[in-house]
PDB file of N, CA and C in Angstrom:
ATOM      1  N   MET A   1      89.307 134.465  69.673  1.00  0.00           N
ATOM      2  CA  MET A   1      89.284 133.037  69.904  1.00  0.00           C
ATOM      3  C   MET A   1      89.172 132.790  71.404  1.00  0.00           C
ATOM      4  N   GLU A   2      88.132 132.027  71.775  1.00  0.00           N
ATOM      5  CA  GLU A   2      87.924 131.742  73.204  1.00  0.00           C
ATOM      6  C   GLU A   2      88.501 130.410  73.552  1.00  0.00           C
ATOM      7  N   LEU A   3      89.107 130.385  74.732  1.00  0.00           N
ATOM      8  CA  LEU A   3      89.596 129.105  75.265  1.00  0.00           C
ATOM      9  C   LEU A   3      88.465 128.419  75.962  1.00  0.00           C
ATOM     10  N   GLN A   4      88.361 127.093  75.748  1.00  0.00           N
ATOM     11  CA  GLN A   4      87.336 126.345  76.440  1.00  0.00           C
ATOM     12  C   GLN A   4      87.803 126.105  77.867  1.00  0.00           C
ATOM     13  N   LYS A   5      86.848 126.190  78.776  1.00  0.00           N
ATOM     14  CA  LYS A   5      87.136 125.959  80.166  1.00  0.00           C
ATOM     15  C   LYS A   5      87.202 124.440  80.382  1.00  0.00           C
ATOM     16  N   VAL A   6      88.263 124.010  81.054  1.00  0.00           N
ATOM     17  CA  VAL A   6      88.444 122.587  81.302  1.00  0.00           C
ATOM     18  C   VAL A   6      87.565 122.171  82.508  1.00  0.00           C
ATOM     19  N   GLN A   7      86.797 121.125  82.294  1.00  0.00           N
ATOM     20  CA  GLN A   7      85.951 120.629  83.417  1.00  0.00           C
ATOM     21  C   GLN A   7      86.739 119.579  84.159  1.00  0.00           C
ATOM     22  N   ARG A   8      86.868 119.754  85.455  1.00  0.00           N
ATOM     23  CA  ARG A   8      87.574 118.832  86.305  1.00  0.00           C
ATOM     24  C   ARG A   8      86.839 117.477  86.414  1.00  0.00           C
ATOM     25  N   THR A   9      87.583 116.413  86.375  1.00  0.00           N
ATOM     26  CA  THR A   9      86.998 115.088  86.595  1.00  0.00           C
ATOM     27  C   THR A   9      87.598 114.419  87.818  1.00  0.00           C
ATOM     28  N   THR A  10      88.431 115.182  88.516  1.00  0.00           N
ATOM     29  CA  THR A  10      89.034 114.606  89.737  1.00  0.00           C
ATOM     30  C   THR A  10      88.665 115.498  90.948  1.00  0.00           C
ATOM     31  N   LEU A  11      88.766 114.888  92.100  1.00  0.00           N
ATOM     32  CA  LEU A  11      88.473 115.532  93.347  1.00  0.00           C
ATOM     33  C   LEU A  11      89.687 115.413  94.284  1.00  0.00           C
ATOM     34  N   THR A  12      89.853 116.408  95.134  1.00  0.00           N
ATOM     35  CA  THR A  12      90.895 116.283  96.178  1.00  0.00           C
ATOM     36  C   THR A  12      90.342 115.360  97.279  1.00  0.00           C
ATOM     37  N   MET A  13      91.155 115.041  98.239  1.00  0.00           N
ATOM     38  CA  MET A  13      90.712 114.181  99.323  1.00  0.00           C
ATOM     39  C   MET A  13      89.540 114.820 100.088  1.00  0.00           C
ATOM     40  N   LYS A  14      89.624 116.120 100.331  1.00  0.00           N
ATOM     41  CA  LYS A  14      88.555 116.803 101.040  1.00  0.00           C
ATOM     42  C   LYS A  14      87.270 116.776 100.225  1.00  0.00           C
ATOM     43  N   GLU A  15      87.409 117.046  98.906  1.00  0.00           N
ATOM     44  CA  GLU A  15      86.217 117.028  98.039  1.00  0.00           C
ATOM     45  C   GLU A  15      85.589 115.654  97.922  1.00  0.00           C
ATOM     46  N   ALA A  16      86.474 114.638  97.882  1.00  0.00           N
ATOM     47  CA  ALA A  16      86.011 113.242  97.806  1.00  0.00           C
ATOM     48  C   ALA A  16      85.224 112.882  99.074  1.00  0.00           C
ATOM     49  N   ALA A  17      85.713 113.366 100.224  1.00  0.00           N
ATOM     50  CA  ALA A  17      85.019 113.077 101.472  1.00  0.00           C
ATOM     51  C   ALA A  17      83.600 113.746 101.435  1.00  0.00           C
ATOM     52  N   GLU A  18      83.546 114.960 100.972  1.00  0.00           N
ATOM     53  CA  GLU A  18      82.265 115.642 100.857  1.00  0.00           C
ATOM     54  C   GLU A  18      81.348 114.901  99.870  1.00  0.00           C
ATOM     55  N   TYR A  19      81.893 114.507  98.748  1.00  0.00           N
ATOM     56  CA  TYR A  19      81.155 113.829  97.691  1.00  0.00           C
ATOM     57  C   TYR A  19      80.548 112.503  98.216  1.00  0.00           C
ATOM     58  N   LEU A  20      81.348 111.778  98.985  1.00  0.00           N
ATOM     59  CA  LEU A  20      80.914 110.506  99.533  1.00  0.00           C
ATOM     60  C   LEU A  20      80.048 110.637 100.800  1.00  0.00           C
ATOM     61  N   GLY A  21      80.102 111.819 101.410  1.00  0.00           N
ATOM     62  CA  GLY A  21      79.344 112.024 102.640  1.00  0.00           C
ATOM     63  C   GLY A  21      79.994 111.376 103.854  1.00  0.00           C
ATOM     64  N   ILE A  22      81.315 111.306 103.833  1.00  0.00           N
ATOM     65  CA  ILE A  22      82.053 110.721 104.928  1.00  0.00           C
ATOM     66  C   ILE A  22      83.152 111.713 105.374  1.00  0.00           C
ATOM     67  N   SER A  23      83.809 111.394 106.465  1.00  0.00           N
ATOM     68  CA  SER A  23      84.813 112.335 106.976  1.00  0.00           C
ATOM     69  C   SER A  23      86.106 112.257 106.175  1.00  0.00           C
ATOM     70  N   TYR A  24      86.831 113.322 106.247  1.00  0.00           N
ATOM     71  CA  TYR A  24      88.184 113.381 105.646  1.00  0.00           C
ATOM     72  C   TYR A  24      89.048 112.280 106.250  1.00  0.00           C
ATOM     73  N   TRP A  25      88.948 112.098 107.560  1.00  0.00           N
ATOM     74  CA  TRP A  25      89.750 111.074 108.256  1.00  0.00           C
ATOM     75  C   TRP A  25      89.445 109.674 107.696  1.00  0.00           C
ATOM     76  N   LEU A  26      88.194 109.380 107.430  1.00  0.00           N
ATOM     77  CA  LEU A  26      87.846 108.065 106.929  1.00  0.00           C
ATOM     78  C   LEU A  26      88.395 107.854 105.497  1.00  0.00           C
ATOM     79  N   VAL A  27      88.297 108.903 104.669  1.00  0.00           N
ATOM     80  CA  VAL A  27      88.871 108.784 103.315  1.00  0.00           C
ATOM     81  C   VAL A  27      90.391 108.539 103.423  1.00  0.00           C
ATOM     82  N   ASN A  28      91.023 109.235 104.311  1.00  0.00           N
ATOM     83  CA  ASN A  28      92.469 109.045 104.525  1.00  0.00           C
ATOM     84  C   ASN A  28      92.770 107.609 104.944  1.00  0.00           C
ATOM     85  N   GLN A  29      91.980 107.044 105.830  1.00  0.00           N
ATOM     86  CA  GLN A  29      92.162 105.639 106.257  1.00  0.00           C
ATOM     87  C   GLN A  29      91.954 104.665 105.096  1.00  0.00           C
ATOM     88  N   LEU A  30      90.933 104.899 104.283  1.00  0.00           N
ATOM     89  CA  LEU A  30      90.644 104.047 103.153  1.00  0.00           C
ATOM     90  C   LEU A  30      91.807 104.098 102.128  1.00  0.00           C
ATOM     91  N   VAL A  31      92.398 105.257 101.961  1.00  0.00           N
ATOM     92  CA  VAL A  31      93.519 105.407 101.073  1.00  0.00           C
ATOM     93  C   VAL A  31      94.695 104.624 101.600  1.00  0.00           C
ATOM     94  N   ARG A  32      94.985 104.765 102.888  1.00  0.00           N
ATOM     95  CA  ARG A  32      96.124 104.071 103.501  1.00  0.00           C
ATOM     96  C   ARG A  32      95.977 102.547 103.403  1.00  0.00           C
ATOM     97  N   ARG A  33      94.725 102.067 103.524  1.00  0.00           N
ATOM     98  CA  ARG A  33      94.472 100.637 103.451  1.00  0.00           C
ATOM     99  C   ARG A  33      94.292 100.136 101.981  1.00  0.00           C
ATOM    100  N   LYS A  34      94.408 101.074 101.032  1.00  0.00           N
ATOM    101  CA  LYS A  34      94.224 100.776  99.610  1.00  0.00           C
ATOM    102  C   LYS A  34      92.847 100.171  99.344  1.00  0.00           C
ATOM    103  N   GLN A  35      91.810 100.764  99.973  1.00  0.00           N
ATOM    104  CA  GLN A  35      90.453 100.265  99.833  1.00  0.00           C
ATOM    105  C   GLN A  35      89.598 101.189  98.956  1.00  0.00           C
ATOM    106  N   ILE A  36      90.161 102.302  98.493  1.00  0.00           N
ATOM    107  CA  ILE A  36      89.390 103.248  97.686  1.00  0.00           C
ATOM    108  C   ILE A  36      90.286 103.656  96.479  1.00  0.00           C
ATOM    109  N   PRO A  37      89.687 103.730  95.288  1.00  0.00           N
ATOM    110  CA  PRO A  37      90.504 104.064  94.129  1.00  0.00           C
ATOM    111  C   PRO A  37      90.978 105.509  94.120  1.00  0.00           C
ATOM    112  N   CYS A  38      92.278 105.664  93.944  1.00  0.00           N
ATOM    113  CA  CYS A  38      92.849 107.041  93.910  1.00  0.00           C
ATOM    114  C   CYS A  38      94.168 107.008  93.167  1.00  0.00           C
ATOM    115  N   SER A  39      94.682 108.171  92.840  1.00  0.00           N
ATOM    116  CA  SER A  39      96.003 108.348  92.261  1.00  0.00           C
ATOM    117  C   SER A  39      96.754 109.394  93.035  1.00  0.00           C
ATOM    118  N   LYS A  40      98.038 109.148  93.240  1.00  0.00           N
ATOM    119  CA  LYS A  40      98.875 110.139  93.900  1.00  0.00           C
ATOM    120  C   LYS A  40      99.633 110.916  92.846  1.00  0.00           C
ATOM    121  N   VAL A  41      99.396 112.194  92.776  1.00  0.00           N
ATOM    122  CA  VAL A  41     100.009 113.061  91.779  1.00  0.00           C
ATOM    123  C   VAL A  41     100.645 114.244  92.490  1.00  0.00           C
ATOM    124  N   GLY A  42     101.934 114.332  92.381  1.00  0.00           N
ATOM    125  CA  GLY A  42     102.647 115.455  92.984  1.00  0.00           C
ATOM    126  C   GLY A  42     102.455 115.561  94.484  1.00  0.00           C
ATOM    127  N   GLY A  43     102.335 114.442  95.162  1.00  0.00           N
ATOM    128  CA  GLY A  43     102.148 114.479  96.613  1.00  0.00           C
ATOM    129  C   GLY A  43     100.684 114.641  97.058  1.00  0.00           C
ATOM    130  N   LYS A  44      99.775 114.777  96.103  1.00  0.00           N
ATOM    131  CA  LYS A  44      98.359 114.898  96.406  1.00  0.00           C
ATOM    132  C   LYS A  44      97.605 113.688  95.920  1.00  0.00           C
ATOM    133  N   TYR A  45      96.609 113.269  96.674  1.00  0.00           N
ATOM    134  CA  TYR A  45      95.771 112.212  96.238  1.00  0.00           C
ATOM    135  C   TYR A  45      94.566 112.784  95.458  1.00  0.00           C
ATOM    136  N   LEU A  46      94.332 112.217  94.305  1.00  0.00           N
ATOM    137  CA  LEU A  46      93.210 112.654  93.455  1.00  0.00           C
ATOM    138  C   LEU A  46      92.274 111.460  93.238  1.00  0.00           C
ATOM    139  N   PHE A  47      90.985 111.764  93.159  1.00  0.00           N
ATOM    140  CA  PHE A  47      89.966 110.764  93.036  1.00  0.00           C
ATOM    141  C   PHE A  47      89.113 111.085  91.808  1.00  0.00           C
ATOM    142  N   ARG A  48      88.970 110.159  90.876  1.00  0.00           N
ATOM    143  CA  ARG A  48      88.120 110.372  89.705  1.00  0.00           C
ATOM    144  C   ARG A  48      86.684 110.160  90.154  1.00  0.00           C
ATOM    145  N   VAL A  49      85.806 111.061  89.772  1.00  0.00           N
ATOM    146  CA  VAL A  49      84.385 110.974  90.144  1.00  0.00           C
ATOM    147  C   VAL A  49      83.802 109.649  89.664  1.00  0.00           C
ATOM    148  N   GLN A  50      84.109 109.287  88.414  1.00  0.00           N
ATOM    149  CA  GLN A  50      83.629 108.038  87.858  1.00  0.00           C
ATOM    150  C   GLN A  50      84.056 106.827  88.666  1.00  0.00           C
ATOM    151  N   ALA A  51      85.318 106.823  89.132  1.00  0.00           N
ATOM    152  CA  ALA A  51      85.857 105.707  89.921  1.00  0.00           C
ATOM    153  C   ALA A  51      85.148 105.662  91.303  1.00  0.00           C
ATOM    154  N   LEU A  52      84.846 106.830  91.880  1.00  0.00           N
ATOM    155  CA  LEU A  52      84.126 106.834  93.145  1.00  0.00           C
ATOM    156  C   LEU A  52      82.728 106.316  92.983  1.00  0.00           C
ATOM    157  N   ASP A  53      82.065 106.683  91.863  1.00  0.00           N
ATOM    158  CA  ASP A  53      80.707 106.162  91.614  1.00  0.00           C
ATOM    159  C   ASP A  53      80.734 104.635  91.454  1.00  0.00           C
ATOM    160  N   GLU A  54      81.721 104.104  90.764  1.00  0.00           N
ATOM    161  CA  GLU A  54      81.862 102.646  90.597  1.00  0.00           C
ATOM    162  C   GLU A  54      82.157 101.984  91.949  1.00  0.00           C
ATOM    163  N   TYR A  55      83.005 102.630  92.774  1.00  0.00           N
ATOM    164  CA  TYR A  55      83.313 102.120  94.107  1.00  0.00           C
ATOM    165  C   TYR A  55      82.050 102.019  94.951  1.00  0.00           C
ATOM    166  N   LEU A  56      81.212 103.062  94.937  1.00  0.00           N
ATOM    167  CA  LEU A  56      79.982 103.056  95.649  1.00  0.00           C
ATOM    168  C   LEU A  56      79.045 101.938  95.156  1.00  0.00           C
ATOM    169  N   GLU A  57      78.961 101.786  93.888  1.00  0.00           N
ATOM    170  CA  GLU A  57      78.118 100.742  93.311  1.00  0.00           C
ATOM    171  C   GLU A  57      78.577  99.375  93.736  1.00  0.00           C
ATOM    172  N   ASN A  58      79.908  99.109  93.724  1.00  0.00           N
ATOM    173  CA  ASN A  58      80.415  97.841  94.165  1.00  0.00           C
ATOM    174  C   ASN A  58      80.152  97.630  95.658  1.00  0.00           C
ATOM    175  N   MET A  59      80.261  98.657  96.454  1.00  0.00           N
ATOM    176  CA  MET A  59      79.990  98.530  97.895  1.00  0.00           C
ATOM    177  C   MET A  59      78.504  98.199  98.117  1.00  0.00           C
ATOM    178  N   GLU A  60      77.615  98.809  97.341  1.00  0.00           N
ATOM    179  CA  GLU A  60      76.211  98.525  97.441  1.00  0.00           C
ATOM    180  C   GLU A  60      75.928  97.060  97.078  1.00  0.00           C
ATOM    181  N   GLN A  61      76.559  96.582  95.998  1.00  0.00           N
ATOM    182  CA  GLN A  61      76.346  95.178  95.610  1.00  0.00           C
ATOM    183  C   GLN A  61      76.829  94.209  96.654  1.00  0.00           C
ATOM    184  N   GLN A  62      77.956  94.511  97.290  1.00  0.00           N
ATOM    185  CA  GLN A  62      78.495  93.664  98.330  1.00  0.00           C
ATOM    186  C   GLN A  62      77.580  93.639  99.561  1.00  0.00           C
ATOM    187  N   SER A  63      76.891  94.734  99.809  1.00  0.00           N
ATOM    188  CA  SER A  63      76.033  94.822 101.001  1.00  0.00           C
ATOM    189  C   SER A  63      74.763  93.994 100.860  1.00  0.00           C
ATOM    190  N   ILE A  64      74.357  93.703  99.596  1.00  0.00           N
ATOM    191  CA  ILE A  64      73.135  92.906  99.434  1.00  0.00           C
ATOM    192  C   ILE A  64      73.455  91.450  99.021  1.00  0.00           C
ATOM    193  N   SER A  65      74.736  91.139  98.905  1.00  0.00           N
ATOM    194  CA  SER A  65      75.110  89.765  98.535  1.00  0.00           C
ATOM    195  C   SER A  65      75.159  88.863  99.756  1.00  0.00           C
TER     196      SER A  65
END
Protein backbone atom coordinates (compact mmCIF):
# COMPACT_ATOMS: atom_id res chain seq x y z
CA MET A 1 0.00 0.00 0.00
CA GLU A 2 1.49 3.30 -1.13
CA LEU A 3 1.02 6.53 0.72
CA GLN A 4 0.04 9.46 -1.44
CA LYS A 5 2.43 12.36 -1.34
CA VAL A 6 0.79 15.49 0.04
CA GLN A 7 1.05 18.47 -2.26
CA ARG A 8 1.74 21.70 -0.41
CA THR A 9 -0.63 24.57 -1.00
CA THR A 10 1.16 27.01 1.28
CA LEU A 11 4.41 28.92 1.03
CA THR A 12 6.78 30.25 3.66
CA MET A 13 7.55 33.95 3.73
CA LYS A 14 10.74 33.39 1.74
CA GLU A 15 8.92 31.26 -0.84
CA ALA A 16 6.10 33.81 -1.08
CA ALA A 17 8.65 36.55 -1.78
CA GLU A 18 10.17 34.45 -4.57
CA TYR A 19 6.71 33.58 -5.93
CA LEU A 20 5.70 37.26 -6.04
CA GLY A 21 9.07 38.42 -7.32
CA ILE A 22 9.62 40.82 -4.43
CA SER A 23 12.03 40.94 -1.52
CA TYR A 24 11.61 39.08 1.74
CA TRP A 25 11.76 42.47 3.50
CA LEU A 26 8.80 43.78 1.49
CA VAL A 27 6.70 40.68 2.22
CA ASN A 28 7.53 41.15 5.91
CA GLN A 29 6.39 44.79 5.74
CA LEU A 30 3.14 43.84 3.95
CA VAL A 31 2.44 41.25 6.66
CA ARG A 32 3.08 43.77 9.44
CA ARG A 33 0.72 46.28 7.76
CA LYS A 34 -1.87 43.51 7.22
CA GLN A 35 -1.85 44.21 3.47
CA ILE A 36 -1.23 40.67 2.25
CA PRO A 37 -3.25 37.53 3.07
CA CYS A 38 -1.45 35.11 5.38
CA SER A 39 -1.90 32.88 8.41
CA LYS A 40 0.36 32.59 11.42
CA VAL A 41 0.82 28.96 12.38
CA GLY A 42 3.21 27.96 15.13
CA GLY A 43 5.13 31.21 14.91
CA LYS A 44 5.53 30.98 11.12
CA TYR A 45 3.65 32.92 8.51
CA LEU A 46 2.15 30.81 5.74
CA PHE A 47 0.72 32.03 2.46
CA ARG A 48 -1.79 30.08 0.35
CA VAL A 49 -0.84 30.15 -3.32
CA GLN A 50 -4.48 30.69 -4.29
CA ALA A 51 -4.78 33.67 -1.92
CA LEU A 52 -1.59 35.21 -3.35
CA ASP A 53 -2.95 34.81 -6.89
CA GLU A 54 -6.19 36.54 -5.83
CA TYR A 55 -4.18 39.27 -4.10
CA LEU A 56 -2.21 39.90 -7.31
CA GLU A 57 -5.41 39.97 -9.36
CA ASN A 58 -6.95 42.54 -6.99
CA MET A 59 -3.80 44.68 -7.13
CA GLU A 60 -3.91 44.57 -10.95
CA GLN A 61 -7.55 45.65 -10.96
CA GLN A 62 -6.80 48.55 -8.60
CA SER A 63 -3.96 49.71 -10.83
CA ILE A 64 -6.25 50.13 -13.85
CA SER A 65 -9.21 51.64 -11.97
